[in-house]
Protein backbone atom coordinates (compact mmCIF):
# COMPACT_ATOMS: atom_id res chain seq x y z
CA MET A 1 0.00 0.00 0.00
CA ASN A 2 2.77 2.40 0.85
CA ILE A 3 4.70 1.63 -2.37
CA ARG A 4 1.62 2.27 -4.52
CA ALA A 5 0.96 5.56 -2.77
CA ILE A 6 4.50 6.71 -3.41
CA ALA A 7 4.34 5.68 -7.05
CA LEU A 8 0.99 7.37 -7.50
CA GLY A 9 2.30 10.52 -5.87
CA SER A 10 5.36 10.56 -8.14
CA GLY A 11 3.15 10.23 -11.18
CA LEU A 12 1.09 13.21 -10.11
CA VAL A 13 4.24 15.27 -9.65
CA ILE A 14 5.50 14.37 -13.13
CA VAL A 15 2.14 15.17 -14.75
CA ALA A 16 1.96 18.53 -12.96
CA ALA A 17 5.46 19.47 -14.10
CA LEU A 18 4.65 18.60 -17.73
CA ALA A 19 1.45 20.62 -17.60
CA ALA A 20 3.27 23.68 -16.23
CA ALA A 21 5.89 23.42 -18.97
CA ALA A 22 3.16 23.28 -21.60
CA LEU A 23 1.49 26.41 -20.22
CA ILE A 24 4.71 28.38 -20.10
CA GLY A 25 5.82 27.33 -23.55
CA PRO A 26 9.08 28.33 -25.25
CA ARG A 27 10.39 31.85 -24.50
CA PRO A 28 10.43 34.12 -27.56
CA SER A 29 13.87 35.10 -28.78
CA MET A 30 14.89 38.82 -28.52
CA SER A 31 15.53 40.33 -31.93
CA ALA A 32 18.56 42.52 -32.54
CA SER A 33 16.32 45.48 -33.40
CA ASP A 34 14.79 45.43 -29.90
CA ASN A 35 18.21 46.25 -28.40
CA ALA A 36 19.12 48.92 -30.96
CA LEU A 37 19.80 52.43 -29.65
CA PRO A 38 17.40 55.17 -30.81
CA ARG A 39 18.65 57.04 -33.87
CA VAL A 40 18.61 60.62 -32.58
CA ILE A 41 20.77 63.73 -32.28
CA SER A 42 20.61 65.69 -29.01
CA ILE A 43 21.78 69.28 -29.35
CA SER A 44 21.64 72.55 -27.41
CA GLY A 45 21.22 76.10 -28.69
CA LEU A 46 21.75 79.56 -27.23
CA GLY A 47 19.99 82.79 -28.14
CA GLU A 48 20.86 86.21 -26.71
CA VAL A 49 19.30 89.63 -27.13
CA LYS A 50 20.81 92.80 -25.66
CA THR A 51 18.43 95.63 -24.94
CA PRO A 52 18.48 98.80 -22.85
CA PRO A 53 16.34 98.60 -19.69
CA ASP A 54 13.18 100.66 -19.52
CA MET A 55 12.57 100.69 -15.76
CA ALA A 56 14.41 100.82 -12.45
CA THR A 57 13.74 99.67 -8.90
CA ILE A 58 15.08 101.77 -6.05
CA SER A 59 15.17 101.40 -2.29
CA THR A 60 14.84 104.59 -0.29
CA GLY A 61 13.99 105.54 3.26
CA VAL A 62 14.76 107.45 6.41
CA THR A 63 16.77 106.62 9.53
CA SER A 64 15.98 108.77 12.58
CA GLU A 65 17.49 108.92 16.06
CA ALA A 66 16.23 110.30 19.38
CA VAL A 67 16.64 109.71 23.10
CA SER A 68 13.30 107.91 23.35
CA ALA A 69 11.80 105.41 20.94
CA LYS A 70 8.62 107.48 20.82
CA ASP A 71 10.44 110.62 19.68
CA ALA A 72 12.53 108.70 17.15
CA LEU A 73 9.39 107.15 15.67
CA ALA A 74 7.60 110.50 15.52
CA LYS A 75 10.53 112.10 13.67
CA ASN A 76 10.73 109.16 11.29
CA ASN A 77 7.01 109.19 10.54
CA VAL A 78 7.10 112.85 9.50
CA ALA A 79 10.19 112.42 7.33
CA MET A 80 8.95 109.20 5.74
CA ALA A 81 5.59 110.74 4.87
CA ALA A 82 7.47 113.47 2.99
CA VAL A 83 9.54 110.86 1.10
CA ILE A 84 6.46 108.90 0.01
CA ALA A 85 4.73 112.12 -1.03
CA ALA A 86 7.79 113.03 -3.12
CA LEU A 87 7.62 109.67 -4.90
CA LYS A 88 3.95 110.14 -5.71
CA ASN A 89 4.49 113.72 -6.87
CA ALA A 90 7.21 112.41 -9.21
CA GLY A 91 4.57 110.33 -10.99
CA ILE A 92 5.14 106.97 -9.31
CA SER A 93 1.90 105.09 -8.76
CA GLU A 94 0.90 104.06 -5.26
CA ASP A 95 0.83 100.45 -6.52
CA ASP A 96 4.55 100.76 -7.34
CA ILE A 97 5.54 101.82 -3.81
CA GLN A 98 5.91 99.14 -1.14
CA THR A 99 7.35 99.11 2.38
CA SER A 100 10.41 96.87 2.36
CA GLY A 101 11.79 97.32 5.88
CA PHE A 102 10.99 98.83 9.25
CA SER A 103 12.92 98.59 12.51
CA VAL A 104 13.23 100.16 15.96
CA SER A 105 16.47 99.42 17.79
CA PRO A 106 18.25 100.72 20.91
CA LYS A 107 21.46 102.69 20.60
CA TYR A 108 24.45 101.97 22.86
CA PRO A 109 27.71 103.86 23.50
CA ASN A 110 30.65 103.04 21.24
CA TYR A 111 32.78 101.82 24.15
CA PRO A 112 31.70 98.39 25.47
CA ALA A 113 32.27 99.11 29.17
CA ALA A 114 28.97 100.92 29.63
CA GLN A 115 26.18 98.80 28.18
CA ARG A 116 23.37 101.26 28.67
CA ILE A 117 20.82 102.56 26.21
CA ILE A 118 21.52 106.14 25.17
CA GLY A 119 18.84 106.44 22.51
CA TYR A 120 16.84 104.73 19.79
CA THR A 121 17.11 104.40 16.03
CA VAL A 122 14.10 104.01 13.74
CA SER A 123 14.50 103.01 10.10
CA ASN A 124 11.78 102.84 7.47
CA ASN A 125 12.42 101.90 3.84
CA VAL A 126 10.28 101.52 0.75
CA THR A 127 10.88 99.98 -2.66
CA ALA A 128 9.67 101.98 -5.65
CA HIS A 129 9.45 101.07 -9.34
CA VAL A 130 10.40 103.89 -11.70
CA LYS A 131 8.91 103.11 -15.12
CA THR A 132 10.27 106.18 -16.91
CA LEU A 133 14.05 105.99 -16.76
CA LYS A 134 14.66 109.58 -17.84
CA ASN A 135 13.05 110.65 -14.57
CA LEU A 136 15.29 108.49 -12.37
CA GLY A 137 18.04 111.08 -11.81
CA PRO A 138 15.65 113.90 -10.89
CA ILE A 139 13.68 111.52 -8.64
CA LEU A 140 16.82 110.60 -6.69
CA ASP A 141 17.62 114.27 -6.22
CA THR A 142 14.03 114.97 -5.13
CA LEU A 143 14.16 112.14 -2.58
CA VAL A 144 17.23 113.61 -0.91
CA GLN A 145 15.70 117.07 -0.88
CA SER A 146 12.54 115.64 0.71
CA GLY A 147 14.48 114.12 3.61
CA SER A 148 15.55 110.63 2.53
CA ASN A 149 18.93 109.71 4.00
CA GLN A 150 19.01 106.11 2.73
CA ILE A 151 19.08 105.40 -1.01
CA GLY A 152 20.49 102.21 -2.46
CA GLY A 153 19.99 98.93 -4.22
CA ILE A 154 19.14 100.53 -7.56
CA SER A 155 18.55 97.86 -10.19
CA PHE A 156 17.37 98.06 -13.78
CA GLY A 157 14.90 95.86 -15.60
CA ILE A 158 12.50 95.39 -18.48
CA ASP A 159 8.88 96.13 -17.73
CA GLU A 160 7.53 93.71 -20.38
CA PRO A 161 10.29 91.14 -21.05
CA LYS A 162 8.14 88.61 -22.95
CA LYS A 163 8.71 90.11 -26.41
CA VAL A 164 12.49 90.22 -25.98
CA LEU A 165 12.56 86.75 -24.44
CA ASN A 166 10.60 85.30 -27.36
CA GLU A 167 13.17 86.78 -29.75
CA ALA A 168 15.94 85.09 -27.75
CA ARG A 169 14.03 81.79 -27.88
CA LYS A 170 13.80 81.94 -31.68
CA LYS A 171 17.53 82.56 -31.89
CA ALA A 172 18.20 79.62 -29.57
CA VAL A 173 16.11 77.24 -31.70
CA ALA A 174 17.83 78.46 -34.87
CA ASP A 175 21.23 77.96 -33.24
CA ALA A 176 20.33 74.40 -32.23
CA ARG A 177 19.00 73.62 -35.71
CA ALA A 178 22.17 74.91 -37.38
CA LYS A 179 24.35 72.75 -35.13
CA ALA A 180 22.18 69.67 -35.69
CA GLU A 181 22.34 70.11 -39.48
CA LEU A 182 26.12 70.47 -39.30
CA TYR A 183 26.50 67.24 -37.32
CA ALA A 184 24.04 65.38 -39.55
CA GLU A 185 25.90 66.44 -42.70
CA ALA A 186 29.23 65.42 -41.20
CA ALA A 187 27.80 62.04 -40.20
CA GLY A 188 26.14 61.44 -43.57
CA VAL A 189 22.58 61.33 -42.25
CA SER A 190 19.47 63.49 -42.51
CA LEU A 191 17.52 65.19 -39.75
CA GLY A 192 14.03 63.98 -39.03
CA ARG A 193 11.28 65.38 -36.85
CA VAL A 194 11.78 67.03 -33.47
CA VAL A 195 10.91 64.61 -30.67
CA GLN A 196 11.74 66.72 -27.61
CA ILE A 197 12.42 70.36 -26.65
CA SER A 198 13.36 71.74 -23.22
CA GLU A 199 14.25 75.31 -22.29
CA SER A 200 15.82 77.53 -19.66
CA SER A 201 16.00 81.32 -19.85
CA THR A 202 17.65 84.15 -17.92
CA ILE A 203 17.63 87.94 -17.82
CA THR A 204 20.99 89.37 -16.77
CA PRO A 205 20.66 92.92 -15.44
CA PRO A 206 23.39 95.56 -15.51
CA MET A 207 25.53 95.93 -12.40
CA PRO A 208 23.28 97.60 -9.79
CA MET A 209 24.32 100.83 -8.15
CA MET A 210 25.36 100.36 -4.54
CA ARG A 211 23.87 102.21 -1.58
CA MET A 212 24.64 105.92 -1.69
CA ALA A 213 25.19 108.23 1.22
CA VAL A 214 23.23 111.47 1.21
CA GLU A 215 26.37 113.58 0.92
CA THR A 216 27.22 111.87 -2.37
CA VAL A 217 24.13 113.05 -4.18
CA ALA A 218 22.89 116.08 -2.31
CA ASN A 219 25.28 118.50 -3.99
CA ASP A 220 24.39 117.43 -7.55
CA ALA A 221 21.73 119.32 -9.50
CA SER A 222 20.56 116.01 -10.93
CA VAL A 223 22.05 112.60 -10.25
CA PRO A 224 23.70 111.16 -13.41
CA ILE A 225 22.45 107.67 -14.26
CA ALA A 226 24.01 105.06 -16.57
CA ALA A 227 21.47 102.30 -17.24
CA GLY A 228 23.66 100.16 -19.52
CA GLN A 229 22.12 97.17 -21.29
CA GLN A 230 20.46 93.96 -20.21
CA THR A 231 21.13 90.57 -21.74
CA VAL A 232 18.13 88.32 -22.22
CA SER A 233 19.14 84.76 -23.04
CA ALA A 234 17.37 81.50 -23.78
CA ASN A 235 18.89 78.01 -23.79
CA VAL A 236 17.14 75.12 -25.52
CA SER A 237 17.89 71.42 -25.77
CA ILE A 238 16.37 69.71 -28.82
CA VAL A 239 16.30 66.05 -29.79
CA TYR A 240 15.98 65.26 -33.53
CA GLU A 241 15.33 61.90 -35.13
CA ILE A 242 17.88 60.70 -37.68
CA GLU A 243 16.58 59.48 -41.02
C-alpha cells in the first residue's frame, strides 16, 4: 500500500510538471532590433538679445534717532511721509511703492564698558518702481531734498520682457538647428522630426548701483544715471530623429 501511494504521488508530480511546462511554452527570442539604440541627435542652442532697460527699482527711506523710541518714531514718521509724497508727486503710482523694511532698535555707547541705552534708532524703507528711466536722476535728487537719508539697491529691468525673451528663444532654436544640421551632414545622415524640446531662460541685469550716502548726491543738481544694457538669453535642448 505504501509503495503504490509513493508511485501514484510521483506520477502526479511528473504530470503537474509537464502541464506547467506546456502552459509556459518556449520563450520568444529577442531580436537585434529590440536592443538597438534610438537614432537621434541631441543638441543645445543659445539665443541672446541685448536691450536697454526701460525701468528701475530703487530702495529709499529714512533713519531717525532720538533719546526715546517714541520721539525717534515721531521724527521718522514725519520724514517718511514726505519721502512717500515726493515719490507720488514724481509720478510713481501708489501700486509701485511698497514698504520693504521697518525697525526700531536701541542705541548703545561706542565703548563696550557701559552697556546702557543712550537712545533709539528708527528706520523705514520703501521699494519703488520707476517706469520712466529719464526721470530716475531727478527723482533721486528729489528724494534727498525731501528728507531721505538712505538710497540704495538701484537695479534696472525690463517692464515687459516677454517680447524680448521670445526673440531670444527663436535665436536659440535656430542655433540648435544649425548645429544639428552640421552634425548630420558630417555624419552622412538626414535630420528627421523634433521629438523633444526643453528650455531655460535668464535675464541678466546691468551691475546695480550700490547704496549711496546722502552727501554723495545732495550737492548734484541732478544725479547722473548710466542704465547700460540687459542681456536676455534662452537656452534650448532639442532632440531630432535621424533618417
